[in-house]
Amino acid sequence: MGLIRKELHPAEINRLADSLRALAHPARLMILAKIAESPTCICIDLSREIGLAQATVSGHLKALKEIGIIRGSVAKNSMCYCIDQEQLAALRQNILQMLDGLAKRESLNCE
């Protein structure tokens, strides 16, 4: 795919697209699942848990933090990650609004 010309699209569409791009990676979905399994912030070695190099996991965590879906804080000598429930709820709402809007539109018979 080529260059994304964000200036052509409304800011809310760009934010949603950025979030969906960040979530469209299986490793990131696994990381979120591992974080969600824990009732508290997770401080384990995610790289060991999902079988990826630590640098790779760090890159994925950075992408998830950039869209605001997770938060990280320092706990003793390690990072503690948890899902930002407010951001998750907002993202869920935005996705549902987009899909509901698409579902309500009548489409031409494209056979």
N, C-alpha and C. Protein backbone atom coordinates (compact mmCIF):
# COMPACT_ATOMS: atom_id res chain seq x y z
N MET A 1 0.84 -1.16 0.00
CA MET A 1 0.00 0.00 0.00
C MET A 1 0.89 1.23 0.00
N GLY A 2 0.41 2.29 -0.58
CA GLY A 2 1.21 3.49 -0.73
C GLY A 2 1.10 4.45 0.43
N LEU A 3 1.47 5.66 0.14
CA LEU A 3 1.48 6.74 1.10
C LEU A 3 0.06 7.04 1.57
N ILE A 4 -0.11 7.23 2.86
CA ILE A 4 -1.41 7.60 3.42
C ILE A 4 -1.48 9.12 3.46
N ARG A 5 -2.44 9.68 2.79
CA ARG A 5 -2.59 11.13 2.75
C ARG A 5 -3.64 11.53 3.79
N LYS A 6 -3.18 11.63 5.03
CA LYS A 6 -4.07 11.89 6.15
C LYS A 6 -4.81 13.22 6.03
N GLU A 7 -4.20 14.17 5.34
CA GLU A 7 -4.84 15.48 5.23
C GLU A 7 -6.15 15.42 4.45
N LEU A 8 -6.38 14.34 3.73
CA LEU A 8 -7.62 14.19 2.96
C LEU A 8 -8.79 13.71 3.80
N HIS A 9 -8.51 13.27 5.03
CA HIS A 9 -9.53 12.62 5.84
C HIS A 9 -9.75 13.36 7.16
N PRO A 10 -10.97 13.26 7.69
CA PRO A 10 -11.23 13.89 9.00
C PRO A 10 -10.35 13.27 10.09
N ALA A 11 -10.05 14.06 11.10
CA ALA A 11 -9.16 13.62 12.19
C ALA A 11 -9.69 12.36 12.86
N GLU A 12 -11.00 12.26 13.08
CA GLU A 12 -11.54 11.08 13.78
C GLU A 12 -11.38 9.82 12.93
N ILE A 13 -11.45 9.95 11.62
CA ILE A 13 -11.23 8.79 10.74
C ILE A 13 -9.76 8.38 10.79
N ASN A 14 -8.85 9.35 10.79
CA ASN A 14 -7.42 9.04 10.89
C ASN A 14 -7.09 8.37 12.21
N ARG A 15 -7.68 8.85 13.32
CA ARG A 15 -7.42 8.22 14.62
C ARG A 15 -7.93 6.78 14.65
N LEU A 16 -9.13 6.57 14.11
CA LEU A 16 -9.68 5.22 14.08
C LEU A 16 -8.81 4.31 13.21
N ALA A 17 -8.39 4.80 12.07
CA ALA A 17 -7.53 4.00 11.19
C ALA A 17 -6.20 3.66 11.86
N ASP A 18 -5.61 4.62 12.56
CA ASP A 18 -4.37 4.37 13.29
C ASP A 18 -4.57 3.28 14.34
N SER A 19 -5.68 3.36 15.05
CA SER A 19 -5.97 2.36 16.09
C SER A 19 -6.17 0.99 15.47
N LEU A 20 -6.92 0.93 14.39
CA LEU A 20 -7.16 -0.37 13.75
C LEU A 20 -5.88 -0.95 13.17
N ARG A 21 -5.00 -0.09 12.62
CA ARG A 21 -3.71 -0.58 12.12
C ARG A 21 -2.88 -1.16 13.26
N ALA A 22 -2.89 -0.48 14.40
CA ALA A 22 -2.12 -0.97 15.56
C ALA A 22 -2.66 -2.30 16.06
N LEU A 23 -3.97 -2.48 15.99
CA LEU A 23 -4.58 -3.72 16.47
C LEU A 23 -4.52 -4.85 15.45
N ALA A 24 -4.19 -4.54 14.21
CA ALA A 24 -4.22 -5.54 13.15
C ALA A 24 -2.95 -6.37 13.06
N HIS A 25 -2.37 -6.68 14.19
CA HIS A 25 -1.17 -7.52 14.22
C HIS A 25 -1.40 -8.62 15.25
N PRO A 26 -1.21 -9.87 14.87
CA PRO A 26 -1.49 -10.97 15.80
C PRO A 26 -0.68 -10.90 17.10
N ALA A 27 0.56 -10.45 17.03
CA ALA A 27 1.37 -10.36 18.25
C ALA A 27 0.79 -9.33 19.21
N ARG A 28 0.30 -8.24 18.66
CA ARG A 28 -0.29 -7.20 19.53
C ARG A 28 -1.57 -7.69 20.16
N LEU A 29 -2.35 -8.45 19.42
CA LEU A 29 -3.56 -9.02 19.99
C LEU A 29 -3.22 -10.02 21.10
N MET A 30 -2.15 -10.80 20.90
CA MET A 30 -1.70 -11.73 21.94
C MET A 30 -1.23 -10.98 23.18
N ILE A 31 -0.50 -9.90 22.97
CA ILE A 31 -0.02 -9.09 24.10
C ILE A 31 -1.22 -8.55 24.87
N LEU A 32 -2.22 -8.02 24.17
CA LEU A 32 -3.41 -7.52 24.84
C LEU A 32 -4.13 -8.62 25.61
N ALA A 33 -4.20 -9.80 25.00
CA ALA A 33 -4.85 -10.93 25.68
C ALA A 33 -4.11 -11.30 26.96
N LYS A 34 -2.78 -11.31 26.91
CA LYS A 34 -1.98 -11.64 28.10
C LYS A 34 -2.17 -10.58 29.19
N ILE A 35 -2.19 -9.32 28.78
CA ILE A 35 -2.40 -8.25 29.75
C ILE A 35 -3.80 -8.35 30.35
N ALA A 36 -4.80 -8.65 29.51
CA ALA A 36 -6.18 -8.73 29.98
C ALA A 36 -6.41 -9.91 30.93
N GLU A 37 -5.60 -10.97 30.79
CA GLU A 37 -5.74 -12.14 31.67
C GLU A 37 -5.44 -11.82 33.12
N SER A 38 -4.65 -10.79 33.34
CA SER A 38 -4.23 -10.45 34.69
C SER A 38 -5.22 -9.47 35.31
N PRO A 39 -5.66 -9.73 36.55
CA PRO A 39 -6.58 -8.80 37.20
C PRO A 39 -5.90 -7.50 37.63
N THR A 40 -4.59 -7.48 37.62
CA THR A 40 -3.83 -6.27 37.96
C THR A 40 -2.85 -6.00 36.83
N CYS A 41 -2.08 -4.96 36.95
CA CYS A 41 -1.05 -4.67 35.95
C CYS A 41 -0.13 -5.88 35.82
N ILE A 42 0.31 -6.13 34.61
CA ILE A 42 1.14 -7.29 34.35
C ILE A 42 2.60 -6.86 34.26
N CYS A 43 3.45 -7.50 35.03
CA CYS A 43 4.88 -7.16 35.05
C CYS A 43 5.74 -8.35 34.63
N ILE A 44 5.14 -9.34 33.97
CA ILE A 44 5.91 -10.52 33.58
C ILE A 44 6.67 -10.25 32.29
N ASP A 45 7.53 -11.17 31.96
CA ASP A 45 8.29 -11.07 30.72
C ASP A 45 7.39 -11.52 29.57
N LEU A 46 6.77 -10.56 28.90
CA LEU A 46 5.86 -10.88 27.80
C LEU A 46 6.57 -11.59 26.65
N SER A 47 7.84 -11.29 26.46
CA SER A 47 8.55 -11.95 25.36
C SER A 47 8.62 -13.46 25.58
N ARG A 48 8.83 -13.87 26.81
CA ARG A 48 8.84 -15.30 27.13
C ARG A 48 7.45 -15.91 26.96
N GLU A 49 6.44 -15.17 27.37
CA GLU A 49 5.06 -15.66 27.30
C GLU A 49 4.58 -15.90 25.87
N ILE A 50 4.94 -14.99 24.95
CA ILE A 50 4.42 -15.13 23.59
C ILE A 50 5.47 -15.58 22.59
N GLY A 51 6.70 -15.78 23.04
CA GLY A 51 7.73 -16.37 22.19
C GLY A 51 8.36 -15.43 21.18
N LEU A 52 8.40 -14.15 21.49
CA LEU A 52 9.05 -13.18 20.61
C LEU A 52 10.21 -12.52 21.34
N ALA A 53 11.13 -11.97 20.56
CA ALA A 53 12.27 -11.28 21.14
C ALA A 53 11.79 -10.07 21.95
N GLN A 54 12.54 -9.75 22.99
CA GLN A 54 12.16 -8.64 23.88
C GLN A 54 12.06 -7.33 23.10
N ALA A 55 12.97 -7.09 22.17
CA ALA A 55 12.93 -5.86 21.38
C ALA A 55 11.67 -5.80 20.52
N THR A 56 11.25 -6.94 19.99
CA THR A 56 10.03 -7.00 19.19
C THR A 56 8.82 -6.69 20.04
N VAL A 57 8.76 -7.29 21.23
CA VAL A 57 7.65 -7.04 22.15
C VAL A 57 7.62 -5.57 22.56
N SER A 58 8.79 -5.00 22.80
CA SER A 58 8.86 -3.58 23.16
C SER A 58 8.28 -2.70 22.07
N GLY A 59 8.58 -3.03 20.83
CA GLY A 59 8.03 -2.28 19.70
C GLY A 59 6.52 -2.38 19.63
N HIS A 60 6.00 -3.58 19.88
CA HIS A 60 4.55 -3.77 19.88
C HIS A 60 3.90 -3.03 21.04
N LEU A 61 4.52 -3.06 22.20
CA LEU A 61 3.99 -2.33 23.35
C LEU A 61 3.97 -0.83 23.07
N LYS A 62 5.00 -0.34 22.41
CA LYS A 62 5.06 1.08 22.06
C LYS A 62 3.89 1.44 21.14
N ALA A 63 3.62 0.60 20.15
CA ALA A 63 2.51 0.87 19.22
C ALA A 63 1.17 0.89 19.97
N LEU A 64 0.99 -0.02 20.92
CA LEU A 64 -0.25 -0.06 21.69
C LEU A 64 -0.36 1.13 22.63
N LYS A 65 0.76 1.56 23.18
CA LYS A 65 0.75 2.75 24.04
C LYS A 65 0.45 4.00 23.23
N GLU A 66 0.95 4.08 22.00
CA GLU A 66 0.73 5.26 21.16
C GLU A 66 -0.75 5.48 20.86
N ILE A 67 -1.52 4.41 20.73
CA ILE A 67 -2.95 4.58 20.49
C ILE A 67 -3.73 4.68 21.80
N GLY A 68 -3.02 4.55 22.92
CA GLY A 68 -3.64 4.75 24.22
C GLY A 68 -4.38 3.56 24.79
N ILE A 69 -4.27 2.42 24.16
CA ILE A 69 -5.03 1.24 24.60
C ILE A 69 -4.42 0.60 25.84
N ILE A 70 -3.11 0.81 26.05
CA ILE A 70 -2.46 0.33 27.27
C ILE A 70 -1.71 1.50 27.91
N ARG A 71 -1.47 1.32 29.20
CA ARG A 71 -0.65 2.28 29.96
C ARG A 71 0.50 1.50 30.56
N GLY A 72 1.61 2.16 30.71
CA GLY A 72 2.76 1.54 31.34
C GLY A 72 3.29 2.43 32.44
N SER A 73 3.67 1.80 33.53
CA SER A 73 4.27 2.55 34.64
C SER A 73 5.40 1.71 35.23
N VAL A 74 6.29 2.38 35.90
CA VAL A 74 7.43 1.69 36.50
C VAL A 74 7.01 1.12 37.85
N ALA A 75 7.27 -0.17 38.02
CA ALA A 75 7.01 -0.85 39.29
C ALA A 75 8.31 -1.53 39.71
N LYS A 76 8.95 -0.95 40.71
CA LYS A 76 10.28 -1.41 41.14
C LYS A 76 11.23 -1.26 39.97
N ASN A 77 11.79 -2.37 39.49
CA ASN A 77 12.77 -2.30 38.39
C ASN A 77 12.19 -2.76 37.06
N SER A 78 10.88 -2.86 36.94
CA SER A 78 10.30 -3.31 35.69
C SER A 78 9.09 -2.45 35.33
N MET A 79 8.62 -2.62 34.10
CA MET A 79 7.45 -1.89 33.64
C MET A 79 6.21 -2.71 33.94
N CYS A 80 5.18 -2.01 34.31
CA CYS A 80 3.90 -2.63 34.62
C CYS A 80 2.90 -2.13 33.57
N TYR A 81 2.21 -3.04 32.89
CA TYR A 81 1.28 -2.68 31.84
C TYR A 81 -0.14 -3.09 32.20
N CYS A 82 -1.07 -2.23 31.83
CA CYS A 82 -2.49 -2.57 32.00
C CYS A 82 -3.27 -1.93 30.86
N ILE A 83 -4.44 -2.46 30.62
CA ILE A 83 -5.32 -1.92 29.59
C ILE A 83 -6.00 -0.68 30.15
N ASP A 84 -6.01 0.38 29.36
CA ASP A 84 -6.70 1.61 29.74
C ASP A 84 -8.17 1.41 29.38
N GLN A 85 -8.97 1.13 30.40
CA GLN A 85 -10.37 0.78 30.16
C GLN A 85 -11.16 1.92 29.51
N GLU A 86 -10.86 3.15 29.85
CA GLU A 86 -11.56 4.29 29.23
C GLU A 86 -11.25 4.38 27.74
N GLN A 87 -9.97 4.22 27.41
CA GLN A 87 -9.57 4.27 26.00
C GLN A 87 -10.14 3.08 25.23
N LEU A 88 -10.16 1.92 25.86
CA LEU A 88 -10.74 0.73 25.23
C LEU A 88 -12.22 0.96 24.94
N ALA A 89 -12.95 1.51 25.90
CA ALA A 89 -14.38 1.77 25.72
C ALA A 89 -14.61 2.79 24.61
N ALA A 90 -13.77 3.82 24.55
CA ALA A 90 -13.91 4.84 23.51
C ALA A 90 -13.63 4.25 22.13
N LEU A 91 -12.59 3.43 22.03
CA LEU A 91 -12.25 2.78 20.76
C LEU A 91 -13.38 1.85 20.34
N ARG A 92 -13.89 1.08 21.27
CA ARG A 92 -15.00 0.17 20.98
C ARG A 92 -16.20 0.95 20.45
N GLN A 93 -16.52 2.06 21.09
CA GLN A 93 -17.64 2.89 20.67
C GLN A 93 -17.43 3.44 19.26
N ASN A 94 -16.21 3.91 18.98
CA ASN A 94 -15.91 4.45 17.65
C ASN A 94 -16.02 3.39 16.57
N ILE A 95 -15.55 2.18 16.86
CA ILE A 95 -15.64 1.09 15.88
C ILE A 95 -17.10 0.73 15.65
N LEU A 96 -17.87 0.61 16.74
CA LEU A 96 -19.28 0.27 16.59
C LEU A 96 -20.05 1.34 15.83
N GLN A 97 -19.76 2.60 16.08
CA GLN A 97 -20.43 3.68 15.35
C GLN A 97 -20.13 3.59 13.86
N MET A 98 -18.87 3.33 13.53
CA MET A 98 -18.49 3.21 12.13
C MET A 98 -19.21 2.03 11.47
N LEU A 99 -19.20 0.89 12.13
CA LEU A 99 -19.84 -0.30 11.56
C LEU A 99 -21.35 -0.13 11.48
N ASP A 100 -21.94 0.47 12.49
CA ASP A 100 -23.38 0.72 12.46
C ASP A 100 -23.74 1.66 11.31
N GLY A 101 -22.92 2.67 11.10
CA GLY A 101 -23.15 3.59 9.99
C GLY A 101 -23.07 2.90 8.64
N LEU A 102 -22.13 1.99 8.52
CA LEU A 102 -22.00 1.23 7.27
C LEU A 102 -23.17 0.28 7.08
N ALA A 103 -23.60 -0.36 8.14
CA ALA A 103 -24.69 -1.34 8.07
C ALA A 103 -26.03 -0.68 7.74
N LYS A 104 -26.22 0.57 8.11
CA LYS A 104 -27.49 1.26 7.88
C LYS A 104 -27.62 1.77 6.46
N ARG A 105 -26.51 1.91 5.77
CA ARG A 105 -26.56 2.43 4.41
C ARG A 105 -27.04 1.34 3.47
N GLU A 106 -27.90 1.74 2.57
CA GLU A 106 -28.33 0.81 1.54
C GLU A 106 -27.26 0.76 0.47
N SER A 107 -26.89 -0.44 0.11
CA SER A 107 -25.87 -0.55 -0.92
C SER A 107 -26.52 -1.04 -2.22
N LEU A 108 -25.86 -0.73 -3.30
CA LEU A 108 -26.33 -1.21 -4.58
C LEU A 108 -26.14 -2.71 -4.65
N ASN A 109 -26.94 -3.33 -5.46
CA ASN A 109 -26.81 -4.76 -5.67
C ASN A 109 -25.56 -5.01 -6.49
N CYS A 110 -24.51 -5.46 -5.87
CA CYS A 110 -23.21 -5.62 -6.54
C CYS A 110 -22.96 -7.08 -6.87
N GLU A 111 -23.70 -7.58 -7.79
CA GLU A 111 -23.51 -9.00 -8.16
C GLU A 111 -22.58 -9.15 -9.30
